[in-house]
């Protein structure tokens, strides 16, 4: 992925994280920017599209069996992030987001069953993953 797309994704996630933290909703511009940068990168677009659709169906089916549905903004964010950066990086981001939510729950004494502002947790994890991937290029 070009560096400009990475920076644009980071900026969109920071904006979305701020809005998600305040209003508990992710602006539609964030997934649109993520999808646009996925198209701009031009690498494996059809494969990413199929993986995004498959992940969307899996997420949708998994929420049908539970009483705790995935909010629409979070659903759009996960699918758009998968299209933009690919499934392995999205899974790594979600793993660290989950660990961060557990850590913050323990630190603040909040219940683990609470809904977190997903974009607020996703933005710093995304930036850290790509910061360390840039460091790996130089060292």
N, C-alpha and C. Protein backbone atom coordinates (compact mmCIF):
# COMPACT_ATOMS: atom_id res chain seq x y z
N UNK A 1 0.85 -1.17 0.00
CA UNK A 1 0.00 0.00 0.00
C UNK A 1 0.89 1.23 0.00
N UNK A 2 0.60 2.19 -0.86
CA UNK A 2 1.40 3.42 -0.88
C UNK A 2 1.32 4.17 0.45
N UNK A 3 2.39 4.89 0.74
CA UNK A 3 2.47 5.64 1.99
C UNK A 3 1.35 6.68 2.08
N UNK A 4 1.00 7.29 0.96
CA UNK A 4 -0.07 8.30 0.98
C UNK A 4 -1.40 7.68 1.39
N UNK A 5 -1.67 6.46 0.95
CA UNK A 5 -2.91 5.77 1.35
C UNK A 5 -2.88 5.44 2.84
N UNK A 6 -1.73 5.03 3.33
CA UNK A 6 -1.58 4.72 4.75
C UNK A 6 -1.83 5.96 5.60
N UNK A 7 -1.28 7.09 5.19
CA UNK A 7 -1.46 8.35 5.93
C UNK A 7 -2.92 8.79 5.86
N UNK A 8 -3.54 8.66 4.69
CA UNK A 8 -4.95 9.04 4.55
C UNK A 8 -5.84 8.14 5.41
N UNK A 9 -5.55 6.83 5.42
CA UNK A 9 -6.32 5.92 6.28
C UNK A 9 -6.15 6.29 7.74
N UNK A 10 -4.93 6.60 8.14
CA UNK A 10 -4.68 6.98 9.53
C UNK A 10 -5.43 8.24 9.91
N UNK A 11 -5.42 9.22 9.02
CA UNK A 11 -6.15 10.47 9.30
C UNK A 11 -7.65 10.21 9.39
N UNK A 12 -8.18 9.39 8.49
CA UNK A 12 -9.61 9.08 8.52
C UNK A 12 -9.97 8.34 9.81
N UNK A 13 -9.12 7.41 10.23
CA UNK A 13 -9.40 6.66 11.45
C UNK A 13 -9.30 7.55 12.70
N UNK A 14 -8.36 8.49 12.70
CA UNK A 14 -8.26 9.43 13.83
C UNK A 14 -9.53 10.29 13.90
N UNK A 15 -9.96 10.81 12.75
CA UNK A 15 -11.19 11.60 12.71
C UNK A 15 -12.38 10.75 13.17
N UNK A 16 -12.49 9.55 12.62
CA UNK A 16 -13.59 8.67 13.00
C UNK A 16 -13.53 8.28 14.46
N UNK A 17 -12.32 8.10 15.00
CA UNK A 17 -12.16 7.76 16.40
C UNK A 17 -12.63 8.88 17.31
N UNK A 18 -12.31 10.12 16.93
CA UNK A 18 -12.75 11.27 17.74
C UNK A 18 -14.27 11.39 17.74
N UNK A 19 -14.86 11.23 16.57
CA UNK A 19 -16.32 11.32 16.48
C UNK A 19 -16.97 10.15 17.20
N UNK A 20 -16.40 8.95 17.04
CA UNK A 20 -16.95 7.76 17.69
C UNK A 20 -16.87 7.88 19.20
N UNK A 21 -15.82 8.46 19.70
CA UNK A 21 -15.68 8.63 21.15
C UNK A 21 -16.71 9.62 21.69
N UNK A 22 -16.99 10.69 20.93
CA UNK A 22 -17.93 11.71 21.41
C UNK A 22 -19.39 11.30 21.21
N UNK A 23 -19.72 10.82 19.99
CA UNK A 23 -21.12 10.58 19.65
C UNK A 23 -21.51 9.11 19.55
N UNK A 24 -20.51 8.21 19.68
CA UNK A 24 -20.74 6.77 19.57
C UNK A 24 -21.32 6.38 18.21
N UNK A 25 -20.84 7.06 17.18
CA UNK A 25 -21.17 6.69 15.80
C UNK A 25 -19.98 6.99 14.92
N UNK A 26 -19.78 6.16 13.91
CA UNK A 26 -18.66 6.34 12.99
C UNK A 26 -19.20 7.03 11.74
N UNK A 27 -18.61 8.17 11.35
CA UNK A 27 -19.09 8.86 10.14
C UNK A 27 -18.91 7.98 8.91
N UNK A 28 -19.85 8.10 7.98
CA UNK A 28 -19.79 7.30 6.75
C UNK A 28 -18.57 7.62 5.90
N UNK A 29 -17.97 8.79 6.11
CA UNK A 29 -16.80 9.14 5.31
C UNK A 29 -15.60 8.25 5.62
N UNK A 30 -15.53 7.72 6.84
CA UNK A 30 -14.38 6.88 7.21
C UNK A 30 -14.36 5.59 6.38
N UNK A 31 -15.44 4.78 6.34
CA UNK A 31 -15.40 3.60 5.48
C UNK A 31 -15.23 3.93 4.00
N UNK A 32 -15.81 5.06 3.57
CA UNK A 32 -15.66 5.44 2.16
C UNK A 32 -14.20 5.75 1.82
N UNK A 33 -13.50 6.43 2.72
CA UNK A 33 -12.08 6.71 2.48
C UNK A 33 -11.27 5.42 2.49
N UNK A 34 -11.58 4.52 3.42
CA UNK A 34 -10.86 3.25 3.47
C UNK A 34 -11.06 2.44 2.19
N UNK A 35 -12.28 2.41 1.70
CA UNK A 35 -12.55 1.68 0.46
C UNK A 35 -11.86 2.37 -0.72
N UNK A 36 -11.88 3.69 -0.76
CA UNK A 36 -11.22 4.42 -1.85
C UNK A 36 -9.72 4.14 -1.86
N UNK A 37 -9.08 4.12 -0.70
CA UNK A 37 -7.65 3.83 -0.67
C UNK A 37 -7.36 2.38 -1.04
N UNK A 38 -8.31 1.50 -0.78
CA UNK A 38 -8.16 0.11 -1.23
C UNK A 38 -8.17 0.02 -2.75
N UNK A 39 -9.02 0.83 -3.40
CA UNK A 39 -9.04 0.86 -4.85
C UNK A 39 -7.78 1.52 -5.42
N UNK A 40 -7.32 2.57 -4.76
CA UNK A 40 -6.15 3.31 -5.24
C UNK A 40 -4.90 2.44 -5.19
N UNK A 41 -4.80 1.61 -4.15
CA UNK A 41 -3.61 0.76 -4.06
C UNK A 41 -3.53 -0.18 -5.26
N UNK A 42 -4.67 -0.59 -5.79
CA UNK A 42 -4.70 -1.36 -7.03
C UNK A 42 -4.16 -2.77 -6.95
N UNK A 43 -3.78 -3.23 -5.77
CA UNK A 43 -3.20 -4.56 -5.64
C UNK A 43 -4.27 -5.51 -5.12
N UNK A 44 -4.55 -6.56 -5.87
CA UNK A 44 -5.49 -7.60 -5.47
C UNK A 44 -6.86 -7.04 -5.12
N UNK A 45 -7.38 -6.15 -5.94
CA UNK A 45 -8.65 -5.50 -5.63
C UNK A 45 -9.79 -6.52 -5.61
N UNK A 46 -9.84 -7.41 -6.59
CA UNK A 46 -10.93 -8.38 -6.64
C UNK A 46 -10.85 -9.37 -5.49
N UNK A 47 -9.64 -9.78 -5.15
CA UNK A 47 -9.48 -10.70 -4.03
C UNK A 47 -9.90 -10.04 -2.72
N UNK A 48 -9.52 -8.78 -2.55
CA UNK A 48 -9.91 -8.06 -1.33
C UNK A 48 -11.42 -7.87 -1.28
N UNK A 49 -12.03 -7.63 -2.44
CA UNK A 49 -13.47 -7.45 -2.49
C UNK A 49 -14.19 -8.73 -2.08
N UNK A 50 -13.73 -9.87 -2.58
CA UNK A 50 -14.34 -11.15 -2.23
C UNK A 50 -14.14 -11.44 -0.74
N UNK A 51 -12.95 -11.18 -0.22
CA UNK A 51 -12.69 -11.40 1.21
C UNK A 51 -13.56 -10.47 2.06
N UNK A 52 -13.72 -9.22 1.62
CA UNK A 52 -14.57 -8.28 2.35
C UNK A 52 -16.00 -8.78 2.39
N UNK A 53 -16.51 -9.27 1.26
CA UNK A 53 -17.87 -9.78 1.23
C UNK A 53 -18.02 -11.03 2.10
N UNK A 54 -17.03 -11.92 2.04
CA UNK A 54 -17.08 -13.13 2.86
C UNK A 54 -17.05 -12.78 4.34
N UNK A 55 -16.20 -11.84 4.72
CA UNK A 55 -16.14 -11.41 6.11
C UNK A 55 -17.45 -10.75 6.54
N UNK A 56 -18.02 -9.97 5.65
CA UNK A 56 -19.31 -9.34 5.95
C UNK A 56 -20.40 -10.37 6.20
N UNK A 57 -20.43 -11.41 5.38
CA UNK A 57 -21.43 -12.47 5.57
C UNK A 57 -21.18 -13.21 6.88
N UNK A 58 -19.90 -13.50 7.19
CA UNK A 58 -19.57 -14.18 8.44
C UNK A 58 -19.97 -13.33 9.64
N UNK A 59 -19.66 -12.04 9.60
CA UNK A 59 -20.04 -11.16 10.71
C UNK A 59 -21.55 -11.08 10.85
N UNK A 60 -22.24 -10.99 9.73
CA UNK A 60 -23.69 -10.89 9.75
C UNK A 60 -24.31 -12.17 10.32
N UNK A 61 -23.81 -13.32 9.86
CA UNK A 61 -24.34 -14.59 10.37
C UNK A 61 -24.02 -14.79 11.85
N UNK A 62 -22.84 -14.34 12.27
CA UNK A 62 -22.48 -14.52 13.68
C UNK A 62 -23.33 -13.64 14.60
N UNK A 63 -23.78 -12.51 14.12
CA UNK A 63 -24.62 -11.67 14.96
C UNK A 63 -26.07 -12.14 14.96
N UNK A 64 -26.46 -12.95 13.99
CA UNK A 64 -27.82 -13.48 13.97
C UNK A 64 -28.04 -14.50 15.08
N UNK A 65 -26.98 -15.19 15.50
CA UNK A 65 -27.09 -16.22 16.52
C UNK A 65 -26.90 -15.68 17.94
N UNK A 66 -26.57 -14.43 18.09
CA UNK A 66 -26.32 -13.89 19.42
C UNK A 66 -27.33 -12.80 19.74
N UNK A 67 -27.41 -12.47 21.00
CA UNK A 67 -28.28 -11.38 21.42
C UNK A 67 -27.54 -10.04 21.44
N UNK A 68 -26.28 -10.04 21.03
CA UNK A 68 -25.44 -8.84 21.07
C UNK A 68 -25.02 -8.48 19.65
N UNK A 69 -25.88 -7.79 18.90
CA UNK A 69 -25.54 -7.52 17.50
C UNK A 69 -24.39 -6.52 17.36
N UNK A 70 -23.69 -6.64 16.26
CA UNK A 70 -22.60 -5.72 15.93
C UNK A 70 -23.21 -4.43 15.38
N UNK A 71 -22.87 -3.29 15.95
CA UNK A 71 -23.43 -2.03 15.44
C UNK A 71 -23.04 -1.81 13.97
N UNK A 72 -23.89 -1.10 13.26
CA UNK A 72 -23.70 -0.89 11.83
C UNK A 72 -22.41 -0.18 11.47
N UNK A 73 -22.04 0.83 12.26
CA UNK A 73 -20.80 1.55 11.98
C UNK A 73 -19.58 0.68 12.17
N UNK A 74 -19.60 -0.17 13.20
CA UNK A 74 -18.49 -1.09 13.43
C UNK A 74 -18.40 -2.12 12.30
N UNK A 75 -19.56 -2.60 11.85
CA UNK A 75 -19.61 -3.54 10.73
C UNK A 75 -18.99 -2.92 9.48
N UNK A 76 -19.40 -1.70 9.17
CA UNK A 76 -18.85 -1.01 7.99
C UNK A 76 -17.36 -0.77 8.14
N UNK A 77 -16.92 -0.40 9.34
CA UNK A 77 -15.50 -0.13 9.58
C UNK A 77 -14.67 -1.39 9.38
N UNK A 78 -15.10 -2.51 9.92
CA UNK A 78 -14.33 -3.75 9.80
C UNK A 78 -14.27 -4.20 8.34
N UNK A 79 -15.39 -4.14 7.65
CA UNK A 79 -15.40 -4.56 6.23
C UNK A 79 -14.55 -3.63 5.37
N UNK A 80 -14.65 -2.33 5.58
CA UNK A 80 -13.87 -1.38 4.78
C UNK A 80 -12.38 -1.49 5.09
N UNK A 81 -12.04 -1.71 6.35
CA UNK A 81 -10.64 -1.88 6.73
C UNK A 81 -10.07 -3.15 6.10
N UNK A 82 -10.87 -4.19 6.03
CA UNK A 82 -10.44 -5.43 5.37
C UNK A 82 -10.17 -5.19 3.90
N UNK A 83 -11.02 -4.42 3.24
CA UNK A 83 -10.80 -4.12 1.83
C UNK A 83 -9.56 -3.25 1.62
N UNK A 84 -9.32 -2.34 2.54
CA UNK A 84 -8.21 -1.41 2.38
C UNK A 84 -6.86 -2.05 2.65
N UNK A 85 -6.73 -2.77 3.77
CA UNK A 85 -5.41 -3.26 4.17
C UNK A 85 -5.26 -4.77 4.07
N UNK A 86 -6.34 -5.49 3.84
CA UNK A 86 -6.27 -6.93 3.73
C UNK A 86 -6.68 -7.61 5.03
N UNK A 87 -7.00 -8.89 4.91
CA UNK A 87 -7.50 -9.65 6.05
C UNK A 87 -6.46 -9.86 7.15
N UNK A 88 -5.20 -10.22 6.84
CA UNK A 88 -4.25 -10.45 7.94
C UNK A 88 -4.02 -9.21 8.82
N UNK A 89 -3.90 -8.06 8.21
CA UNK A 89 -3.67 -6.84 8.99
C UNK A 89 -4.93 -6.47 9.77
N UNK A 90 -6.10 -6.67 9.17
CA UNK A 90 -7.34 -6.39 9.89
C UNK A 90 -7.47 -7.29 11.11
N UNK A 91 -7.14 -8.57 10.95
CA UNK A 91 -7.21 -9.47 12.09
C UNK A 91 -6.22 -9.08 13.18
N UNK A 92 -5.03 -8.65 12.78
CA UNK A 92 -4.04 -8.19 13.77
C UNK A 92 -4.55 -6.94 14.49
N UNK A 93 -5.14 -6.03 13.75
CA UNK A 93 -5.70 -4.81 14.36
C UNK A 93 -6.79 -5.18 15.34
N UNK A 94 -7.70 -6.08 14.95
CA UNK A 94 -8.80 -6.46 15.85
C UNK A 94 -8.29 -7.20 17.08
N UNK A 95 -7.23 -7.99 16.93
CA UNK A 95 -6.64 -8.67 18.08
C UNK A 95 -6.11 -7.66 19.09
N UNK A 96 -5.34 -6.67 18.60
CA UNK A 96 -4.79 -5.67 19.51
C UNK A 96 -5.86 -4.73 20.06
N UNK A 97 -6.91 -4.48 19.29
CA UNK A 97 -8.04 -3.69 19.80
C UNK A 97 -8.70 -4.43 20.96
N UNK A 98 -8.90 -5.73 20.80
CA UNK A 98 -9.48 -6.52 21.87
C UNK A 98 -8.61 -6.54 23.11
N UNK A 99 -7.30 -6.70 22.92
CA UNK A 99 -6.38 -6.67 24.06
C UNK A 99 -6.38 -5.30 24.73
N UNK A 100 -6.44 -4.24 23.94
CA UNK A 100 -6.51 -2.89 24.49
C UNK A 100 -7.79 -2.66 25.27
N UNK A 101 -8.91 -3.20 24.78
CA UNK A 101 -10.18 -3.05 25.48
C UNK A 101 -10.15 -3.81 26.81
N UNK A 102 -9.54 -5.00 26.81
CA UNK A 102 -9.41 -5.76 28.05
C UNK A 102 -8.52 -5.00 29.03
N UNK A 103 -7.41 -4.47 28.55
CA UNK A 103 -6.49 -3.72 29.40
C UNK A 103 -7.18 -2.50 30.01
N UNK A 104 -7.91 -1.75 29.19
CA UNK A 104 -8.60 -0.56 29.69
C UNK A 104 -9.72 -0.93 30.66
N UNK A 105 -10.38 -2.06 30.44
CA UNK A 105 -11.41 -2.51 31.37
C UNK A 105 -10.82 -2.82 32.74
N UNK A 106 -9.68 -3.49 32.72
CA UNK A 106 -9.02 -3.82 33.99
C UNK A 106 -8.51 -2.55 34.65
N UNK A 107 -7.89 -1.68 33.88
CA UNK A 107 -7.32 -0.46 34.42
C UNK A 107 -8.38 0.47 35.01
N UNK A 108 -9.50 0.62 34.31
CA UNK A 108 -10.55 1.55 34.76
C UNK A 108 -11.63 0.87 35.59
N UNK A 109 -11.56 -0.44 35.74
CA UNK A 109 -12.57 -1.15 36.52
C UNK A 109 -13.92 -1.22 35.85
N UNK A 110 -13.93 -1.27 34.53
CA UNK A 110 -15.18 -1.33 33.78
C UNK A 110 -15.49 -2.78 33.41
N UNK A 111 -16.74 -3.13 33.19
CA UNK A 111 -17.07 -4.51 32.81
C UNK A 111 -16.58 -4.83 31.40
N UNK A 112 -16.20 -6.08 31.20
CA UNK A 112 -15.72 -6.49 29.88
C UNK A 112 -16.85 -6.57 28.85
N UNK A 113 -18.08 -6.65 29.29
CA UNK A 113 -19.20 -6.81 28.37
C UNK A 113 -19.68 -5.49 27.77
N UNK A 114 -19.03 -4.39 28.09
CA UNK A 114 -19.49 -3.10 27.58
C UNK A 114 -19.14 -2.95 26.10
N UNK A 115 -19.87 -2.06 25.43
CA UNK A 115 -19.57 -1.74 24.04
C UNK A 115 -18.48 -0.67 24.02
N UNK A 116 -17.45 -0.91 23.24
CA UNK A 116 -16.36 0.06 23.14
C UNK A 116 -16.53 0.88 21.87
N UNK A 117 -16.03 2.11 21.84
CA UNK A 117 -16.01 2.86 20.58
C UNK A 117 -14.92 2.28 19.70
N UNK A 118 -15.29 1.40 18.78
CA UNK A 118 -14.33 0.60 18.02
C UNK A 118 -13.34 1.46 17.25
N UNK A 119 -13.79 2.51 16.61
CA UNK A 119 -12.89 3.34 15.81
C UNK A 119 -11.89 4.07 16.70
N UNK A 120 -12.29 4.40 17.92
CA UNK A 120 -11.37 5.06 18.84
C UNK A 120 -10.22 4.14 19.25
N UNK A 121 -10.47 2.85 19.30
CA UNK A 121 -9.43 1.89 19.61
C UNK A 121 -8.66 1.49 18.35
N UNK A 122 -9.33 1.50 17.20
CA UNK A 122 -8.71 1.07 15.95
C UNK A 122 -7.65 2.05 15.46
N UNK A 123 -7.90 3.33 15.59
CA UNK A 123 -6.97 4.34 15.06
C UNK A 123 -5.57 4.23 15.63
N UNK A 124 -5.37 4.19 16.95
CA UNK A 124 -4.00 4.08 17.45
C UNK A 124 -3.34 2.75 17.11
N UNK A 125 -4.13 1.68 17.10
CA UNK A 125 -3.55 0.37 16.75
C UNK A 125 -3.10 0.38 15.29
N UNK A 126 -3.91 0.94 14.41
CA UNK A 126 -3.54 1.03 12.98
C UNK A 126 -2.24 1.82 12.83
N UNK A 127 -2.16 2.96 13.51
CA UNK A 127 -0.96 3.79 13.40
C UNK A 127 0.27 3.08 13.96
N UNK A 128 0.13 2.36 15.06
CA UNK A 128 1.26 1.63 15.63
C UNK A 128 1.72 0.50 14.72
N UNK A 129 0.78 -0.23 14.14
CA UNK A 129 1.16 -1.34 13.25
C UNK A 129 1.92 -0.81 12.04
N UNK A 130 1.45 0.26 11.45
CA UNK A 130 2.16 0.77 10.28
C UNK A 130 3.43 1.54 10.64
N UNK A 131 3.50 2.10 11.84
CA UNK A 131 4.75 2.71 12.29
C UNK A 131 5.83 1.64 12.45
N UNK A 132 5.47 0.52 13.06
CA UNK A 132 6.45 -0.55 13.23
C UNK A 132 6.79 -1.23 11.91
N UNK A 133 5.85 -1.26 10.96
CA UNK A 133 6.19 -1.82 9.65
C UNK A 133 7.13 -0.88 8.89
N UNK A 134 6.99 0.43 9.10
CA UNK A 134 7.94 1.37 8.49
C UNK A 134 9.32 1.24 9.13
N UNK A 135 9.36 1.07 10.45
CA UNK A 135 10.64 0.88 11.12
C UNK A 135 11.35 -0.37 10.62
N UNK A 136 10.58 -1.40 10.36
CA UNK A 136 11.17 -2.65 9.86
C UNK A 136 11.83 -2.45 8.50
N UNK A 137 11.30 -1.54 7.71
CA UNK A 137 11.91 -1.26 6.40
C UNK A 137 13.28 -0.63 6.52
N UNK A 138 13.47 0.16 7.58
CA UNK A 138 14.71 0.89 7.73
C UNK A 138 15.75 0.16 8.56
N UNK A 139 15.33 -0.81 9.36
CA UNK A 139 16.28 -1.50 10.23
C UNK A 139 16.30 -2.98 9.96
